[in-house]
N, C-alpha and C. Protein backbone atom coordinates (compact mmCIF):
# COMPACT_ATOMS: atom_id res chain seq x y z
N VAL A 1 0.89 -1.18 0.00
CA VAL A 1 -0.10 -0.03 0.06
C VAL A 1 1.11 1.26 -0.07
N GLN A 2 0.60 2.09 -0.76
CA GLN A 2 0.97 3.54 -0.80
C GLN A 2 0.50 4.58 -0.17
N LEU A 3 0.85 5.44 0.51
CA LEU A 3 0.45 6.35 1.50
C LEU A 3 0.76 7.85 0.99
N VAL A 4 -0.37 8.67 0.63
CA VAL A 4 0.17 10.08 0.64
C VAL A 4 -0.59 11.06 1.46
N GLU A 5 -0.07 11.80 2.34
CA GLU A 5 -0.69 12.71 3.12
C GLU A 5 -0.85 14.11 2.43
N SER A 6 -1.72 14.77 3.04
CA SER A 6 -1.95 16.20 2.59
C SER A 6 -2.87 17.04 3.55
N GLY A 7 -3.05 18.13 3.47
CA GLY A 7 -3.67 19.02 4.53
C GLY A 7 -3.00 19.72 5.50
N GLY A 8 -1.73 19.72 5.58
CA GLY A 8 -0.93 20.52 6.58
C GLY A 8 -0.66 21.85 6.22
N GLY A 9 -0.43 22.71 7.09
CA GLY A 9 -0.49 24.17 6.93
C GLY A 9 0.28 24.80 8.33
N LEU A 10 0.48 26.15 7.96
CA LEU A 10 0.58 27.12 9.24
C LEU A 10 -0.86 27.49 9.59
N VAL A 11 -0.88 27.46 11.08
CA VAL A 11 -2.45 27.73 11.55
C VAL A 11 -1.90 28.49 13.10
N GLN A 12 -2.82 29.21 13.32
CA GLN A 12 -2.67 30.00 14.75
C GLN A 12 -3.07 29.06 15.80
N PRO A 13 -2.42 29.29 16.85
CA PRO A 13 -2.97 28.66 17.91
C PRO A 13 -4.52 28.53 18.40
N GLY A 14 -5.05 27.37 18.75
CA GLY A 14 -6.56 27.29 18.93
C GLY A 14 -7.39 27.22 17.50
N GLY A 15 -6.55 27.14 16.63
CA GLY A 15 -7.10 26.74 14.97
C GLY A 15 -7.38 25.35 14.94
N SER A 16 -7.72 25.00 13.73
CA SER A 16 -8.21 23.49 13.37
C SER A 16 -7.44 23.45 11.86
N LEU A 17 -7.22 22.27 11.65
CA LEU A 17 -6.87 21.61 10.47
C LEU A 17 -7.31 19.95 10.32
N ARG A 18 -7.73 19.70 9.03
CA ARG A 18 -7.79 18.47 8.75
C ARG A 18 -6.69 17.81 7.87
N LEU A 19 -6.20 16.65 8.43
CA LEU A 19 -5.42 15.98 7.51
C LEU A 19 -5.71 14.95 6.81
N SER A 20 -5.32 14.63 5.71
CA SER A 20 -5.83 13.86 4.89
C SER A 20 -4.92 12.69 4.36
N CYS A 21 -5.27 11.32 4.27
CA CYS A 21 -3.95 10.30 3.65
C CYS A 21 -4.82 9.58 2.67
N ALA A 22 -4.45 9.63 1.71
CA ALA A 22 -4.81 8.88 0.65
C ALA A 22 -3.97 7.38 0.26
N ALA A 23 -4.79 6.50 0.18
CA ALA A 23 -4.13 5.05 -0.07
C ALA A 23 -4.24 4.50 -1.07
N SER A 24 -3.20 3.75 -1.68
CA SER A 24 -3.48 2.97 -2.85
C SER A 24 -3.57 1.51 -2.67
N GLY A 25 -4.09 0.55 -3.52
CA GLY A 25 -4.06 -0.70 -3.26
C GLY A 25 -5.71 -1.22 -3.07
N ARG A 26 -5.81 -2.35 -3.40
CA ARG A 26 -7.35 -2.75 -3.42
C ARG A 26 -7.61 -3.50 -1.90
N THR A 27 -6.72 -3.68 -1.13
CA THR A 27 -7.19 -4.12 0.20
C THR A 27 -7.05 -3.34 1.33
N PHE A 28 -7.20 -2.14 1.23
CA PHE A 28 -7.19 -0.97 2.19
C PHE A 28 -7.92 -1.50 3.57
N SER A 29 -8.87 -1.92 3.40
CA SER A 29 -10.09 -2.12 4.52
C SER A 29 -9.37 -3.07 5.57
N ILE A 30 -8.34 -4.04 5.63
CA ILE A 30 -7.59 -4.78 6.23
C ILE A 30 -6.49 -4.30 6.88
N TYR A 31 -6.12 -2.94 6.82
CA TYR A 31 -4.94 -2.53 7.26
C TYR A 31 -5.55 -1.43 8.43
N THR A 32 -4.69 -1.69 9.51
CA THR A 32 -4.89 -0.94 10.61
C THR A 32 -4.18 0.39 10.28
N MET A 33 -4.76 1.82 10.63
CA MET A 33 -4.15 2.62 10.03
C MET A 33 -3.70 3.83 11.28
N GLY A 34 -2.60 4.02 11.24
CA GLY A 34 -2.22 4.99 12.28
C GLY A 34 -1.74 6.38 11.83
N TRP A 35 -1.71 7.22 12.82
CA TRP A 35 -1.25 8.77 12.61
C TRP A 35 0.06 8.96 13.70
N PHE A 36 1.17 9.34 13.24
CA PHE A 36 2.22 9.66 14.05
C PHE A 36 2.84 11.32 13.65
N ARG A 37 3.49 11.66 14.50
CA ARG A 37 4.29 13.09 14.16
C ARG A 37 5.71 13.04 14.72
N GLN A 38 6.44 13.79 14.10
CA GLN A 38 7.68 13.96 14.52
C GLN A 38 8.16 15.27 14.62
N ALA A 39 8.24 16.04 15.63
CA ALA A 39 8.82 17.40 15.84
C ALA A 39 10.47 17.47 15.66
N PRO A 40 10.68 18.69 15.49
CA PRO A 40 12.05 18.81 15.01
C PRO A 40 13.08 18.25 16.28
N GLY A 41 14.09 17.37 16.08
CA GLY A 41 14.85 16.79 17.19
C GLY A 41 14.17 16.09 18.13
N LYS A 42 12.98 15.46 17.83
CA LYS A 42 12.28 14.66 18.63
C LYS A 42 12.22 13.20 18.03
N GLU A 43 11.87 12.36 18.57
CA GLU A 43 11.30 11.04 18.12
C GLU A 43 9.99 11.09 17.30
N ARG A 44 9.67 10.05 16.61
CA ARG A 44 8.38 10.19 15.87
C ARG A 44 7.51 9.49 17.13
N GLU A 45 6.54 9.98 17.11
CA GLU A 45 5.44 9.45 18.27
C GLU A 45 4.23 9.24 17.85
N PHE A 46 3.62 8.23 18.60
CA PHE A 46 2.30 7.85 18.26
C PHE A 46 1.38 8.95 18.56
N VAL A 47 0.27 9.05 17.42
CA VAL A 47 -0.68 9.86 17.85
C VAL A 47 -2.16 9.14 17.93
N SER A 48 -2.41 8.25 16.84
CA SER A 48 -3.91 7.81 17.18
C SER A 48 -3.64 6.33 16.02
N ALA A 49 -4.67 5.45 16.37
CA ALA A 49 -4.36 4.05 15.54
C ALA A 49 -6.02 3.62 15.50
N MET A 50 -6.32 3.26 14.38
CA MET A 50 -7.73 2.73 14.01
C MET A 50 -7.45 1.18 13.45
N SER A 51 -7.81 0.33 14.25
CA SER A 51 -7.60 -1.32 13.67
C SER A 51 -8.77 -1.32 12.62
N TRP A 52 -8.07 -2.28 12.16
CA TRP A 52 -8.95 -2.98 10.97
C TRP A 52 -10.20 -3.75 11.57
N ALA A 53 -9.78 -4.17 12.51
CA ALA A 53 -10.75 -5.16 13.24
C ALA A 53 -12.14 -4.46 13.91
N GLY A 54 -11.82 -3.03 13.82
CA GLY A 54 -12.85 -2.26 14.46
C GLY A 54 -12.36 -1.87 15.97
N GLY A 55 -13.54 -1.59 16.57
CA GLY A 55 -13.32 -1.02 17.85
C GLY A 55 -13.08 0.37 18.03
N PRO A 56 -12.70 0.93 19.05
CA PRO A 56 -12.54 2.27 19.58
C PRO A 56 -11.04 2.56 18.69
N THR A 57 -11.11 4.25 18.30
CA THR A 57 -9.77 4.39 17.93
C THR A 57 -8.97 4.72 19.27
N ASN A 58 -7.74 4.65 19.22
CA ASN A 58 -7.07 4.83 20.08
C ASN A 58 -6.09 6.11 20.19
N TYR A 59 -5.74 6.82 21.05
CA TYR A 59 -5.07 8.46 21.12
C TYR A 59 -3.99 8.39 21.99
N ALA A 60 -3.34 9.03 21.78
CA ALA A 60 -2.02 9.61 22.79
C ALA A 60 -2.77 10.42 23.64
N ASP A 61 -2.23 10.31 24.83
CA ASP A 61 -2.93 11.01 25.99
C ASP A 61 -2.58 12.49 25.42
N SER A 62 -1.36 13.25 24.99
CA SER A 62 -1.45 14.43 24.58
C SER A 62 -2.37 15.13 23.66
N VAL A 63 -3.16 14.02 23.02
CA VAL A 63 -4.00 14.71 21.94
C VAL A 63 -5.63 14.30 22.04
N LYS A 64 -5.78 13.57 22.98
CA LYS A 64 -7.13 13.15 23.07
C LYS A 64 -8.19 14.17 23.67
N GLY A 65 -9.18 14.08 22.96
CA GLY A 65 -10.03 15.24 23.05
C GLY A 65 -9.88 16.28 22.01
N ARG A 66 -8.86 16.33 21.41
CA ARG A 66 -8.56 17.65 20.52
C ARG A 66 -8.43 16.68 18.97
N PHE A 67 -7.81 15.61 19.01
CA PHE A 67 -7.87 15.11 17.63
C PHE A 67 -8.65 13.98 17.44
N THR A 68 -9.44 13.90 16.16
CA THR A 68 -9.89 12.84 15.72
C THR A 68 -9.88 12.22 14.35
N ALA A 69 -9.43 10.82 14.37
CA ALA A 69 -8.95 10.00 13.57
C ALA A 69 -10.35 9.61 12.79
N SER A 70 -10.36 9.36 11.46
CA SER A 70 -11.54 8.59 10.79
C SER A 70 -11.02 7.93 9.63
N ARG A 71 -11.69 7.26 9.09
CA ARG A 71 -11.59 6.65 7.94
C ARG A 71 -12.73 6.09 6.78
N ASP A 72 -12.35 6.21 5.78
CA ASP A 72 -13.43 5.84 4.74
C ASP A 72 -12.93 5.01 3.76
N ASN A 73 -13.18 3.42 4.37
CA ASN A 73 -12.50 2.43 3.24
C ASN A 73 -12.94 2.72 1.95
N ALA A 74 -14.15 3.00 1.45
CA ALA A 74 -14.72 3.13 0.15
C ALA A 74 -13.80 3.81 -0.54
N LYS A 75 -13.35 5.06 -0.12
CA LYS A 75 -12.63 6.21 -0.66
C LYS A 75 -11.03 5.88 -0.57
N LYS A 76 -10.82 4.64 0.44
CA LYS A 76 -9.34 4.66 0.71
C LYS A 76 -8.83 6.03 1.27
N MET A 77 -9.51 6.47 2.33
CA MET A 77 -8.70 7.46 2.92
C MET A 77 -8.96 7.30 4.47
N VAL A 78 -8.06 8.01 5.10
CA VAL A 78 -8.03 8.39 6.34
C VAL A 78 -7.57 9.67 6.83
N TYR A 79 -8.38 10.12 7.49
CA TYR A 79 -8.41 11.63 8.23
C TYR A 79 -7.89 11.70 9.68
N LEU A 80 -7.50 12.89 9.83
CA LEU A 80 -7.23 13.34 11.27
C LEU A 80 -7.70 14.61 11.28
N GLN A 81 -8.65 15.14 11.98
CA GLN A 81 -9.19 16.16 12.43
C GLN A 81 -8.46 16.84 13.69
N ILE A 82 -7.71 17.99 13.49
CA ILE A 82 -7.11 18.10 14.80
C ILE A 82 -7.81 19.74 15.14
N ASP A 83 -8.14 19.87 16.47
CA ASP A 83 -8.51 21.08 16.87
C ASP A 83 -7.68 21.66 18.02
N SER A 84 -8.11 22.80 18.67
CA SER A 84 -7.61 23.41 19.65
C SER A 84 -6.11 23.36 19.59
N LEU A 85 -5.45 23.83 18.22
CA LEU A 85 -3.85 23.49 18.27
C LEU A 85 -3.10 24.41 19.20
N LYS A 86 -2.13 23.48 19.65
CA LYS A 86 -1.11 24.25 20.48
C LYS A 86 0.24 24.11 19.49
N PRO A 87 1.32 25.22 19.95
CA PRO A 87 2.36 25.20 19.32
C PRO A 87 2.98 23.93 19.44
N GLU A 88 3.00 23.11 20.68
CA GLU A 88 3.63 22.09 20.90
C GLU A 88 2.88 20.85 19.70
N ASP A 89 1.91 21.04 19.14
CA ASP A 89 1.46 20.17 18.19
C ASP A 89 2.51 20.45 17.08
N THR A 90 3.31 21.33 16.63
CA THR A 90 3.84 21.58 15.69
C THR A 90 4.96 20.21 15.29
N ALA A 91 4.75 19.83 14.29
CA ALA A 91 5.27 18.60 13.58
C ALA A 91 5.04 18.24 12.32
N VAL A 92 5.91 17.26 12.01
CA VAL A 92 5.58 16.57 10.49
C VAL A 92 4.57 15.31 11.05
N TYR A 93 3.31 15.34 10.32
CA TYR A 93 2.14 14.14 10.72
C TYR A 93 2.30 13.42 9.56
N TYR A 94 2.62 11.93 9.96
CA TYR A 94 2.74 10.77 8.97
C TYR A 94 1.59 9.86 9.38
N CYS A 95 1.11 9.24 7.80
CA CYS A 95 0.26 8.24 8.17
C CYS A 95 0.80 6.93 7.73
N ALA A 96 0.56 5.96 8.47
CA ALA A 96 0.76 4.70 8.35
C ALA A 96 0.07 3.55 8.50
N ALA A 97 0.24 2.43 7.84
CA ALA A 97 -0.24 1.25 7.62
C ALA A 97 0.40 0.02 8.36
N THR A 98 -0.39 -0.76 8.80
CA THR A 98 0.16 -2.18 9.12
C THR A 98 -0.90 -3.53 9.03
N LEU A 99 -0.68 -4.50 8.80
CA LEU A 99 -1.63 -5.55 8.80
C LEU A 99 -1.96 -6.37 10.14
N LYS A 100 -1.25 -5.92 11.14
CA LYS A 100 -1.18 -6.09 12.47
C LYS A 100 -2.57 -5.84 12.98
N ALA A 101 -3.28 -6.16 13.91
CA ALA A 101 -4.63 -5.85 14.65
C ALA A 101 -4.77 -4.36 15.08
N TYR A 102 -3.53 -4.11 15.53
CA TYR A 102 -3.36 -2.90 16.33
C TYR A 102 -1.82 -2.58 16.44
N GLY A 103 -1.45 -1.11 16.58
CA GLY A 103 -0.23 -1.03 16.63
C GLY A 103 -0.07 0.67 17.18
N SER A 104 0.96 0.42 18.08
CA SER A 104 1.15 2.18 18.51
C SER A 104 2.61 2.57 18.65
N ARG A 105 3.43 1.64 18.12
CA ARG A 105 4.99 1.76 18.09
C ARG A 105 5.15 1.91 16.63
N ARG A 106 6.36 2.59 16.34
CA ARG A 106 6.86 2.82 14.98
C ARG A 106 7.06 1.65 14.27
N GLY A 107 7.73 0.66 15.21
CA GLY A 107 7.78 -0.56 14.61
C GLY A 107 6.65 -1.29 14.12
N ASP A 108 5.71 -1.36 14.64
CA ASP A 108 4.41 -2.03 14.07
C ASP A 108 4.07 -1.95 12.83
N TYR A 109 4.60 -0.66 12.15
CA TYR A 109 3.81 -0.31 11.02
C TYR A 109 4.98 -0.59 9.76
N ASN A 110 4.45 -0.92 8.67
CA ASN A 110 5.31 -1.21 7.38
C ASN A 110 5.42 -0.35 6.42
N TYR A 111 4.39 0.53 6.31
CA TYR A 111 4.02 1.16 5.24
C TYR A 111 3.86 2.90 5.86
N TRP A 112 4.58 3.67 5.25
CA TRP A 112 4.52 5.06 5.59
C TRP A 112 4.42 6.11 4.43
N GLY A 113 3.59 7.38 4.91
CA GLY A 113 3.56 8.15 4.12
C GLY A 113 4.89 9.31 3.94
N GLN A 114 4.89 10.25 2.94
CA GLN A 114 6.19 11.18 3.23
C GLN A 114 5.90 12.42 4.32
N GLY A 115 4.77 12.21 4.92
CA GLY A 115 4.47 13.29 5.94
C GLY A 115 3.90 14.72 5.31
N THR A 116 3.36 15.53 6.25
CA THR A 116 2.47 16.78 5.89
C THR A 116 3.08 17.57 7.12
N GLN A 117 3.64 18.65 6.70
CA GLN A 117 4.06 19.86 8.02
C GLN A 117 2.82 20.42 8.79
N VAL A 118 2.64 20.24 9.82
CA VAL A 118 1.97 21.20 10.56
C VAL A 118 2.70 21.99 11.35
N THR A 119 2.61 23.79 11.53
CA THR A 119 3.00 24.41 12.24
C THR A 119 2.25 25.41 12.89
N VAL A 120 2.21 25.30 13.92
CA VAL A 120 1.31 26.02 14.75
C VAL A 120 2.04 27.39 15.40
N SER A 121 1.62 28.62 14.87
CA SER A 121 2.30 29.67 15.48
C SER A 121 1.50 30.95 15.38
N SER A 122 1.67 31.79 16.32
CA SER A 122 1.06 33.43 15.92
C SER A 122 1.61 34.11 15.25
């Protein structure tokens, strides 16, 4: 599967963005889809994961209540709605896919997009 993110940009604190991830391949629905982010000088960190097996979407504690991930299997799309943005949310955001039922570690994912930059600044 190939993944392409879009939707990043410069936004003021308190603002919102909607990131999109377009996937290729015929079996998109069997992939667990994750979002990660990497700030300058920091490790890539887990943001959210949606299992192909269903169940609730899981989020990192730092984004709970502000970020909402969703997927549209028919369109082969994954989305990340980001609200109440903070300067510490500034990072490159990556979409990732795995055949595992769930994953919250970078090593759980086999497929990655190129990333989209989100910058939160006044």
